[in-house]
Amino acid sequence: MSEIEIVRGDITEQRVDAIVNAANETLLGGGGVDGAIHRAAGPGLLRECRTLDGCVSGQAKITRGYRLPAKYVIHTVGPVWRGGDAGEAGLLASCYRSSLQLAREHDCAVVAFPAISCGVYGYPLREAAHVSLAAVRKELGQHREPSLIRWVMFDEPTYRAWVNVYDSLGP
């Protein structure tokens, strides 16, 4: 049975098989989680990302972790929030499904996620938490791996939003 954890912390310090990067479509770094992961991983990550030819919203690509404690970085491009009627929920759920599929293909038992699309892309926290938790629970109901999903939240409001939604969903 797979487990879900929600913690406060820095995703770049997670000793897991893979961390998920809330990337932009170029995969060449940016602000927020994306910039922090690129800085912590070092220049090798950028060199490898340049070979991937970007990524579209809702999909994911994988690279080595370089100087990170994680073996892999799974880069996924979340949707920009446009009010909720532009397919954002479907794209966000696809980010989680695509990331977990890559994790399974690379034998990753423990995966750490950030709050995808909740920074500069403006996705409301509570709505993002609902979509992400539902998507991951559905995936875990269909597959045995990964055995642990850990959401790593940098700030208290994001952490609280995920915990509150998780608690409201029940077992």
N, C-alpha and C. Protein backbone atom coordinates (compact mmCIF):
# COMPACT_ATOMS: atom_id res chain seq x y z
N MET A 1 0.84 -1.20 0.00
CA MET A 1 0.00 0.00 0.00
C MET A 1 0.87 1.25 0.00
N SER A 2 0.59 2.16 -0.89
CA SER A 2 1.35 3.40 -0.99
C SER A 2 0.94 4.37 0.11
N GLU A 3 1.90 5.20 0.48
CA GLU A 3 1.66 6.22 1.50
C GLU A 3 1.74 7.60 0.89
N ILE A 4 1.06 8.55 1.54
CA ILE A 4 1.13 9.96 1.18
C ILE A 4 1.57 10.73 2.41
N GLU A 5 2.56 11.61 2.21
CA GLU A 5 3.02 12.51 3.27
C GLU A 5 2.93 13.94 2.76
N ILE A 6 2.68 14.86 3.67
CA ILE A 6 2.71 16.28 3.36
C ILE A 6 3.59 16.94 4.41
N VAL A 7 4.67 17.57 3.96
CA VAL A 7 5.64 18.14 4.89
C VAL A 7 6.00 19.56 4.48
N ARG A 8 6.53 20.31 5.43
CA ARG A 8 7.13 21.62 5.13
C ARG A 8 8.60 21.38 4.89
N GLY A 9 9.18 22.08 3.92
CA GLY A 9 10.60 21.92 3.69
C GLY A 9 11.04 22.43 2.35
N ASP A 10 12.27 22.06 2.01
CA ASP A 10 12.91 22.45 0.76
C ASP A 10 13.02 21.21 -0.11
N ILE A 11 12.35 21.20 -1.23
CA ILE A 11 12.32 20.01 -2.09
C ILE A 11 13.71 19.64 -2.58
N THR A 12 14.62 20.61 -2.68
CA THR A 12 15.97 20.32 -3.19
C THR A 12 16.80 19.53 -2.18
N GLU A 13 16.32 19.41 -0.95
CA GLU A 13 17.06 18.67 0.08
C GLU A 13 16.49 17.28 0.33
N GLN A 14 15.50 16.88 -0.44
CA GLN A 14 14.82 15.60 -0.21
C GLN A 14 15.67 14.43 -0.71
N ARG A 15 15.89 13.47 0.17
CA ARG A 15 16.61 12.24 -0.19
C ARG A 15 15.57 11.21 -0.63
N VAL A 16 15.21 11.32 -1.90
CA VAL A 16 14.18 10.48 -2.50
C VAL A 16 14.70 9.99 -3.84
N ASP A 17 13.96 9.12 -4.46
CA ASP A 17 14.38 8.64 -5.78
C ASP A 17 14.21 9.73 -6.84
N ALA A 18 13.12 10.49 -6.75
CA ALA A 18 12.88 11.56 -7.72
C ALA A 18 12.16 12.72 -7.06
N ILE A 19 12.56 13.93 -7.47
CA ILE A 19 11.79 15.11 -7.11
C ILE A 19 11.14 15.61 -8.39
N VAL A 20 9.97 16.21 -8.24
CA VAL A 20 9.27 16.75 -9.38
C VAL A 20 9.50 18.25 -9.41
N ASN A 21 9.82 18.74 -10.60
CA ASN A 21 10.06 20.15 -10.82
C ASN A 21 8.84 20.77 -11.48
N ALA A 22 8.33 21.84 -10.88
CA ALA A 22 7.27 22.62 -11.50
C ALA A 22 7.94 23.55 -12.53
N ALA A 23 8.15 23.01 -13.71
CA ALA A 23 8.97 23.65 -14.74
C ALA A 23 8.14 24.55 -15.65
N ASN A 24 8.84 25.34 -16.45
CA ASN A 24 8.18 26.06 -17.54
C ASN A 24 8.41 25.26 -18.83
N GLU A 25 7.78 25.67 -19.90
CA GLU A 25 7.81 24.87 -21.13
C GLU A 25 9.19 24.71 -21.75
N THR A 26 10.13 25.60 -21.44
CA THR A 26 11.48 25.48 -22.01
C THR A 26 12.31 24.44 -21.27
N LEU A 27 11.98 24.16 -20.01
CA LEU A 27 12.74 23.30 -19.10
C LEU A 27 14.13 23.86 -18.79
N LEU A 28 14.35 25.14 -19.07
CA LEU A 28 15.68 25.72 -18.91
C LEU A 28 15.83 26.55 -17.64
N GLY A 29 14.97 26.33 -16.67
CA GLY A 29 15.07 27.05 -15.40
C GLY A 29 14.17 28.27 -15.40
N GLY A 30 13.98 28.80 -14.22
CA GLY A 30 13.11 29.96 -14.07
C GLY A 30 13.11 30.38 -12.62
N GLY A 31 11.97 30.81 -12.13
CA GLY A 31 11.87 31.25 -10.74
C GLY A 31 11.30 30.15 -9.86
N GLY A 32 11.06 30.47 -8.62
CA GLY A 32 10.41 29.56 -7.68
C GLY A 32 11.10 28.21 -7.56
N VAL A 33 10.30 27.15 -7.53
CA VAL A 33 10.81 25.79 -7.39
C VAL A 33 11.77 25.45 -8.54
N ASP A 34 11.40 25.84 -9.73
CA ASP A 34 12.21 25.56 -10.92
C ASP A 34 13.62 26.13 -10.78
N GLY A 35 13.71 27.39 -10.41
CA GLY A 35 15.02 28.02 -10.24
C GLY A 35 15.82 27.39 -9.12
N ALA A 36 15.14 27.08 -8.01
CA ALA A 36 15.83 26.46 -6.87
C ALA A 36 16.40 25.10 -7.24
N ILE A 37 15.64 24.31 -7.99
CA ILE A 37 16.12 22.99 -8.41
C ILE A 37 17.31 23.12 -9.35
N HIS A 38 17.22 24.02 -10.31
CA HIS A 38 18.34 24.21 -11.24
C HIS A 38 19.59 24.69 -10.50
N ARG A 39 19.45 25.62 -9.56
CA ARG A 39 20.62 26.10 -8.80
C ARG A 39 21.25 24.97 -7.99
N ALA A 40 20.40 24.19 -7.31
CA ALA A 40 20.92 23.13 -6.45
C ALA A 40 21.53 21.98 -7.26
N ALA A 41 20.97 21.68 -8.41
CA ALA A 41 21.47 20.56 -9.23
C ALA A 41 22.77 20.90 -9.94
N GLY A 42 22.98 22.17 -10.24
CA GLY A 42 24.19 22.57 -10.94
C GLY A 42 24.02 22.59 -12.44
N PRO A 43 25.09 22.97 -13.16
CA PRO A 43 25.00 23.19 -14.61
C PRO A 43 24.71 21.94 -15.44
N GLY A 44 24.98 20.77 -14.92
CA GLY A 44 24.68 19.54 -15.66
C GLY A 44 23.20 19.41 -15.97
N LEU A 45 22.35 19.85 -15.05
CA LEU A 45 20.91 19.76 -15.27
C LEU A 45 20.50 20.62 -16.45
N LEU A 46 20.99 21.83 -16.52
CA LEU A 46 20.66 22.71 -17.63
C LEU A 46 21.15 22.12 -18.95
N ARG A 47 22.36 21.57 -18.96
CA ARG A 47 22.88 20.95 -20.19
C ARG A 47 21.97 19.82 -20.66
N GLU A 48 21.55 18.96 -19.73
CA GLU A 48 20.67 17.86 -20.13
C GLU A 48 19.30 18.38 -20.57
N CYS A 49 18.76 19.36 -19.86
CA CYS A 49 17.45 19.91 -20.23
C CYS A 49 17.46 20.51 -21.63
N ARG A 50 18.59 21.07 -22.04
CA ARG A 50 18.69 21.64 -23.39
C ARG A 50 18.51 20.59 -24.47
N THR A 51 18.74 19.33 -24.16
CA THR A 51 18.60 18.25 -25.14
C THR A 51 17.17 17.72 -25.24
N LEU A 52 16.28 18.17 -24.35
CA LEU A 52 14.93 17.59 -24.27
C LEU A 52 13.89 18.28 -25.14
N ASP A 53 14.23 19.41 -25.73
CA ASP A 53 13.32 20.12 -26.62
C ASP A 53 12.04 20.56 -25.93
N GLY A 54 12.16 20.99 -24.68
CA GLY A 54 11.00 21.53 -23.96
C GLY A 54 9.98 20.48 -23.59
N CYS A 55 8.83 20.97 -23.10
CA CYS A 55 7.76 20.09 -22.64
C CYS A 55 6.46 20.88 -22.66
N VAL A 56 5.39 20.25 -23.05
CA VAL A 56 4.09 20.94 -23.08
C VAL A 56 3.37 20.77 -21.74
N SER A 57 2.45 21.66 -21.48
CA SER A 57 1.68 21.63 -20.24
C SER A 57 0.94 20.30 -20.11
N GLY A 58 1.00 19.74 -18.91
CA GLY A 58 0.34 18.46 -18.62
C GLY A 58 1.22 17.25 -18.82
N GLN A 59 2.38 17.43 -19.44
CA GLN A 59 3.29 16.32 -19.69
C GLN A 59 4.51 16.41 -18.77
N ALA A 60 5.40 15.43 -18.85
CA ALA A 60 6.59 15.39 -17.99
C ALA A 60 7.75 14.75 -18.74
N LYS A 61 8.95 15.17 -18.35
CA LYS A 61 10.19 14.57 -18.87
C LYS A 61 11.13 14.37 -17.68
N ILE A 62 12.08 13.46 -17.83
CA ILE A 62 12.95 13.10 -16.70
C ILE A 62 14.42 13.33 -17.04
N THR A 63 15.16 13.75 -16.04
CA THR A 63 16.62 13.91 -16.16
C THR A 63 17.27 13.32 -14.92
N ARG A 64 18.59 13.26 -14.96
CA ARG A 64 19.36 12.89 -13.77
C ARG A 64 19.23 14.01 -12.74
N GLY A 65 19.60 13.70 -11.49
CA GLY A 65 19.50 14.68 -10.42
C GLY A 65 20.76 15.50 -10.21
N TYR A 66 21.87 15.08 -10.77
CA TYR A 66 23.15 15.78 -10.66
C TYR A 66 23.52 16.00 -9.20
N ARG A 67 23.65 17.23 -8.74
CA ARG A 67 24.13 17.48 -7.37
C ARG A 67 23.03 17.41 -6.32
N LEU A 68 21.83 17.07 -6.72
CA LEU A 68 20.73 16.92 -5.77
C LEU A 68 20.85 15.57 -5.07
N PRO A 69 20.28 15.43 -3.86
CA PRO A 69 20.26 14.11 -3.22
C PRO A 69 19.31 13.13 -3.91
N ALA A 70 18.44 13.62 -4.78
CA ALA A 70 17.53 12.76 -5.54
C ALA A 70 18.24 12.25 -6.79
N LYS A 71 17.97 11.01 -7.15
CA LYS A 71 18.58 10.42 -8.34
C LYS A 71 18.07 11.07 -9.63
N TYR A 72 16.78 11.41 -9.64
CA TYR A 72 16.15 11.97 -10.83
C TYR A 72 15.40 13.26 -10.52
N VAL A 73 15.23 14.06 -11.57
CA VAL A 73 14.31 15.19 -11.55
C VAL A 73 13.28 14.93 -12.65
N ILE A 74 12.02 14.94 -12.27
CA ILE A 74 10.93 14.82 -13.22
C ILE A 74 10.38 16.22 -13.42
N HIS A 75 10.49 16.71 -14.64
CA HIS A 75 10.06 18.07 -14.97
C HIS A 75 8.66 18.01 -15.55
N THR A 76 7.72 18.75 -14.96
CA THR A 76 6.37 18.79 -15.50
C THR A 76 5.93 20.24 -15.59
N VAL A 77 5.14 20.53 -16.60
CA VAL A 77 4.70 21.90 -16.85
C VAL A 77 3.21 21.99 -16.51
N GLY A 78 2.94 22.69 -15.43
CA GLY A 78 1.56 22.87 -15.01
C GLY A 78 0.87 23.96 -15.81
N PRO A 79 -0.45 24.00 -15.69
CA PRO A 79 -1.22 25.02 -16.41
C PRO A 79 -1.17 26.37 -15.69
N VAL A 80 -1.28 27.42 -16.48
CA VAL A 80 -1.48 28.75 -15.93
C VAL A 80 -2.97 28.87 -15.57
N TRP A 81 -3.26 29.38 -14.38
CA TRP A 81 -4.66 29.55 -13.95
C TRP A 81 -5.31 30.65 -14.77
N ARG A 82 -6.42 30.32 -15.40
CA ARG A 82 -7.16 31.29 -16.21
C ARG A 82 -8.61 31.41 -15.74
N GLY A 83 -8.85 31.05 -14.49
CA GLY A 83 -10.19 31.16 -13.93
C GLY A 83 -10.90 29.83 -13.71
N GLY A 84 -10.33 28.75 -14.20
CA GLY A 84 -10.89 27.44 -13.95
C GLY A 84 -11.71 26.84 -15.07
N ASP A 85 -11.97 27.61 -16.12
CA ASP A 85 -12.80 27.11 -17.22
C ASP A 85 -12.01 26.85 -18.50
N ALA A 86 -10.69 26.78 -18.37
CA ALA A 86 -9.84 26.61 -19.56
C ALA A 86 -9.09 25.27 -19.52
N GLY A 87 -9.68 24.28 -18.86
CA GLY A 87 -9.07 22.95 -18.83
C GLY A 87 -7.94 22.81 -17.84
N GLU A 88 -7.83 23.75 -16.91
CA GLU A 88 -6.71 23.73 -15.97
C GLU A 88 -6.67 22.47 -15.11
N ALA A 89 -7.82 22.04 -14.62
CA ALA A 89 -7.85 20.87 -13.74
C ALA A 89 -7.36 19.61 -14.46
N GLY A 90 -7.79 19.44 -15.69
CA GLY A 90 -7.35 18.27 -16.46
C GLY A 90 -5.86 18.29 -16.73
N LEU A 91 -5.33 19.47 -17.07
CA LEU A 91 -3.89 19.59 -17.29
C LEU A 91 -3.10 19.35 -16.02
N LEU A 92 -3.59 19.89 -14.90
CA LEU A 92 -2.88 19.70 -13.64
C LEU A 92 -2.88 18.22 -13.24
N ALA A 93 -4.01 17.57 -13.36
CA ALA A 93 -4.07 16.13 -13.04
C ALA A 93 -3.11 15.35 -13.95
N SER A 94 -3.03 15.75 -15.21
CA SER A 94 -2.13 15.09 -16.15
C SER A 94 -0.67 15.25 -15.74
N CYS A 95 -0.33 16.39 -15.15
CA CYS A 95 1.05 16.58 -14.65
C CYS A 95 1.40 15.49 -13.64
N TYR A 96 0.50 15.23 -12.72
CA TYR A 96 0.75 14.23 -11.69
C TYR A 96 0.78 12.83 -12.28
N ARG A 97 -0.16 12.51 -13.18
CA ARG A 97 -0.17 11.19 -13.81
C ARG A 97 1.09 10.96 -14.63
N SER A 98 1.47 11.94 -15.45
CA SER A 98 2.66 11.80 -16.29
C SER A 98 3.92 11.65 -15.45
N SER A 99 3.99 12.40 -14.36
CA SER A 99 5.16 12.32 -13.47
C SER A 99 5.24 10.94 -12.82
N LEU A 100 4.11 10.43 -12.36
CA LEU A 100 4.11 9.12 -11.71
C LEU A 100 4.41 8.01 -12.71
N GLN A 101 3.97 8.16 -13.94
CA GLN A 101 4.30 7.16 -14.97
C GLN A 101 5.81 7.10 -15.19
N LEU A 102 6.45 8.27 -15.30
CA LEU A 102 7.91 8.29 -15.46
C LEU A 102 8.60 7.71 -14.23
N ALA A 103 8.08 8.02 -13.05
CA ALA A 103 8.66 7.48 -11.83
C ALA A 103 8.61 5.95 -11.85
N ARG A 104 7.50 5.39 -12.26
CA ARG A 104 7.38 3.93 -12.33
C ARG A 104 8.35 3.36 -13.36
N GLU A 105 8.45 4.00 -14.51
CA GLU A 105 9.34 3.52 -15.57
C GLU A 105 10.81 3.53 -15.14
N HIS A 106 11.15 4.36 -14.17
CA HIS A 106 12.53 4.46 -13.69
C HIS A 106 12.70 3.89 -12.28
N ASP A 107 11.75 3.04 -11.86
CA ASP A 107 11.82 2.32 -10.58
C ASP A 107 12.00 3.24 -9.38
N CYS A 108 11.28 4.34 -9.38
CA CYS A 108 11.34 5.29 -8.26
C CYS A 108 10.28 4.91 -7.23
N ALA A 109 10.72 4.51 -6.06
CA ALA A 109 9.80 4.11 -5.00
C ALA A 109 9.31 5.30 -4.19
N VAL A 110 10.12 6.36 -4.10
CA VAL A 110 9.76 7.54 -3.31
C VAL A 110 9.90 8.78 -4.19
N VAL A 111 8.81 9.54 -4.28
CA VAL A 111 8.76 10.72 -5.14
C VAL A 111 8.27 11.91 -4.33
N ALA A 112 8.95 13.04 -4.50
CA ALA A 112 8.55 14.28 -3.82
C ALA A 112 8.01 15.27 -4.85
N PHE A 113 6.84 15.83 -4.54
CA PHE A 113 6.18 16.81 -5.39
C PHE A 113 6.15 18.17 -4.71
N PRO A 114 6.21 19.25 -5.51
CA PRO A 114 5.87 20.57 -5.00
C PRO A 114 4.39 20.83 -5.29
N ALA A 115 3.92 22.02 -5.00
CA ALA A 115 2.55 22.42 -5.34
C ALA A 115 2.60 22.98 -6.77
N ILE A 116 2.43 22.10 -7.74
CA ILE A 116 2.55 22.47 -9.15
C ILE A 116 1.52 23.53 -9.52
N SER A 117 1.98 24.55 -10.23
CA SER A 117 1.17 25.67 -10.74
C SER A 117 0.71 26.67 -9.70
N CYS A 118 1.10 26.52 -8.46
CA CYS A 118 0.61 27.39 -7.40
C CYS A 118 1.45 28.64 -7.15
N GLY A 119 2.57 28.76 -7.83
CA GLY A 119 3.40 29.96 -7.70
C GLY A 119 2.96 31.01 -8.70
N VAL A 120 3.87 31.36 -9.60
CA VAL A 120 3.59 32.41 -10.59
C VAL A 120 2.47 32.03 -11.55
N TYR A 121 2.15 30.73 -11.67
CA TYR A 121 1.07 30.32 -12.57
C TYR A 121 -0.31 30.55 -11.94
N GLY A 122 -0.35 30.88 -10.64
CA GLY A 122 -1.55 31.39 -10.00
C GLY A 122 -2.67 30.43 -9.68
N TYR A 123 -2.42 29.13 -9.71
CA TYR A 123 -3.49 28.17 -9.41
C TYR A 123 -3.86 28.31 -7.93
N PRO A 124 -5.13 28.46 -7.60
CA PRO A 124 -5.53 28.59 -6.19
C PRO A 124 -5.15 27.33 -5.39
N LEU A 125 -4.65 27.53 -4.20
CA LEU A 125 -4.11 26.42 -3.40
C LEU A 125 -5.13 25.32 -3.15
N ARG A 126 -6.29 25.66 -2.65
CA ARG A 126 -7.27 24.62 -2.29
C ARG A 126 -7.69 23.80 -3.52
N GLU A 127 -7.92 24.48 -4.63
CA GLU A 127 -8.31 23.78 -5.85
C GLU A 127 -7.18 22.88 -6.34
N ALA A 128 -5.95 23.39 -6.30
CA ALA A 128 -4.80 22.58 -6.73
C ALA A 128 -4.61 21.37 -5.84
N ALA A 129 -4.81 21.56 -4.54
CA ALA A 129 -4.68 20.44 -3.61
C ALA A 129 -5.71 19.35 -3.94
N HIS A 130 -6.96 19.75 -4.18
CA HIS A 130 -7.99 18.77 -4.53
C HIS A 130 -7.62 17.99 -5.79
N VAL A 131 -7.23 18.71 -6.83
CA VAL A 131 -6.90 18.05 -8.10
C VAL A 131 -5.71 17.12 -7.92
N SER A 132 -4.67 17.60 -7.25
CA SER A 132 -3.44 16.79 -7.12
C SER A 132 -3.67 15.55 -6.26
N LEU A 133 -4.34 15.71 -5.14
CA LEU A 133 -4.58 14.56 -4.27
C LEU A 133 -5.48 13.54 -4.94
N ALA A 134 -6.51 14.00 -5.65
CA ALA A 134 -7.40 13.06 -6.35
C ALA A 134 -6.63 12.32 -7.44
N ALA A 135 -5.82 13.02 -8.20
CA ALA A 135 -5.07 12.38 -9.29
C ALA A 135 -4.09 11.35 -8.75
N VAL A 136 -3.38 11.71 -7.69
CA VAL A 136 -2.39 10.79 -7.13
C VAL A 136 -3.07 9.59 -6.48
N ARG A 137 -4.15 9.82 -5.75
CA ARG A 137 -4.87 8.69 -5.15
C ARG A 137 -5.38 7.72 -6.22
N LYS A 138 -5.87 8.25 -7.31
CA LYS A 138 -6.36 7.39 -8.40
C LYS A 138 -5.21 6.57 -8.97
N GLU A 139 -4.08 7.21 -9.22
CA GLU A 139 -2.90 6.50 -9.74
C GLU A 139 -2.45 5.42 -8.76
N LEU A 140 -2.39 5.75 -7.49
CA LEU A 140 -1.94 4.78 -6.49
C LEU A 140 -2.93 3.63 -6.35
N GLY A 141 -4.19 3.87 -6.65
CA GLY A 141 -5.18 2.80 -6.63
C GLY A 141 -5.02 1.82 -7.79
N GLN A 142 -4.34 2.27 -8.84
CA GLN A 142 -4.17 1.44 -10.03
C GLN A 142 -2.78 0.82 -10.13
N HIS A 143 -1.82 1.36 -9.36
CA HIS A 143 -0.42 0.91 -9.45
C HIS A 143 0.16 0.76 -8.04
N ARG A 144 1.08 -0.17 -7.89
CA ARG A 144 1.70 -0.39 -6.58
C ARG A 144 2.84 0.58 -6.29
N GLU A 145 3.43 1.15 -7.32
CA GLU A 145 4.55 2.06 -7.16
C GLU A 145 4.16 3.44 -7.68
N PRO A 146 4.76 4.46 -7.16
CA PRO A 146 5.70 4.54 -6.05
C PRO A 146 5.03 4.17 -4.72
N SER A 147 5.87 3.77 -3.78
CA SER A 147 5.34 3.37 -2.48
C SER A 147 5.13 4.55 -1.54
N LEU A 148 5.80 5.68 -1.83
CA LEU A 148 5.63 6.87 -1.00
C LEU A 148 5.61 8.10 -1.89
N ILE A 149 4.56 8.90 -1.72
CA ILE A 149 4.46 10.21 -2.37
C ILE A 149 4.55 11.24 -1.25
N ARG A 150 5.47 12.16 -1.40
CA ARG A 150 5.66 13.21 -0.39
C ARG A 150 5.49 14.57 -1.07
N TRP A 151 4.51 15.34 -0.58
CA TRP A 151 4.41 16.73 -1.02
C TRP A 151 5.29 17.55 -0.08
N VAL A 152 6.17 18.34 -0.67
CA VAL A 152 7.09 19.18 0.10
C VAL A 152 6.71 20.63 -0.15
N MET A 153 6.18 21.27 0.89
CA MET A 153 5.66 22.63 0.77
C MET A 153 6.61 23.62 1.41
N PHE A 154 6.95 24.64 0.66
CA PHE A 154 7.92 25.62 1.11
C PHE A 154 7.34 26.57 2.16
N ASP A 155 6.05 26.87 2.06
CA ASP A 155 5.48 27.84 3.01
C ASP A 155 4.27 27.27 3.75
N GLU A 156 3.93 27.93 4.83
CA GLU A 156 2.84 27.46 5.70
C GLU A 156 1.47 27.48 5.02
N PRO A 157 1.09 28.53 4.28
CA PRO A 157 -0.23 28.51 3.65
C PRO A 157 -0.42 27.34 2.67
N THR A 158 0.60 27.02 1.92
CA THR A 158 0.50 25.90 0.98
C THR A 158 0.42 24.58 1.73
N TYR A 159 1.25 24.43 2.74
CA TYR A 159 1.22 23.23 3.58
C TYR A 159 -0.17 23.05 4.19
N ARG A 160 -0.72 24.11 4.78
CA ARG A 160 -2.04 24.04 5.43
C ARG A 160 -3.12 23.67 4.42
N ALA A 161 -3.06 24.25 3.22
CA ALA A 161 -4.07 23.94 2.20
C ALA A 161 -4.06 22.46 1.87
N TRP A 162 -2.87 21.87 1.67
CA TRP A 162 -2.79 20.45 1.32
C TRP A 162 -3.25 19.57 2.48
N VAL A 163 -2.82 19.90 3.69
CA VAL A 163 -3.23 19.10 4.85
C VAL A 163 -4.74 19.17 5.04
N ASN A 164 -5.32 20.36 4.94
CA ASN A 164 -6.77 20.51 5.12
C ASN A 164 -7.55 19.71 4.08
N VAL A 165 -7.14 19.78 2.83
CA VAL A 165 -7.83 19.02 1.79
C VAL A 165 -7.63 17.53 2.00
N TYR A 166 -6.42 17.12 2.31
CA TYR A 166 -6.15 15.71 2.56
C TYR A 166 -7.02 15.18 3.70
N ASP A 167 -7.08 15.94 4.79
CA ASP A 167 -7.90 15.54 5.94
C ASP A 167 -9.39 15.48 5.59
N SER A 168 -9.84 16.37 4.72
CA SER A 168 -11.28 16.39 4.36
C SER A 168 -11.66 15.22 3.46
N LEU A 169 -10.69 14.66 2.75
CA LEU A 169 -10.98 13.54 1.84
C LEU A 169 -11.16 12.22 2.56
N GLY A 170 -10.61 12.10 3.74
CA GLY A 170 -10.73 10.85 4.48
C GLY A 170 -9.88 9.74 3.86
N PRO A 171 -9.98 8.54 4.44
CA PRO A 171 -9.15 7.42 3.97
C PRO A 171 -9.47 6.96 2.56
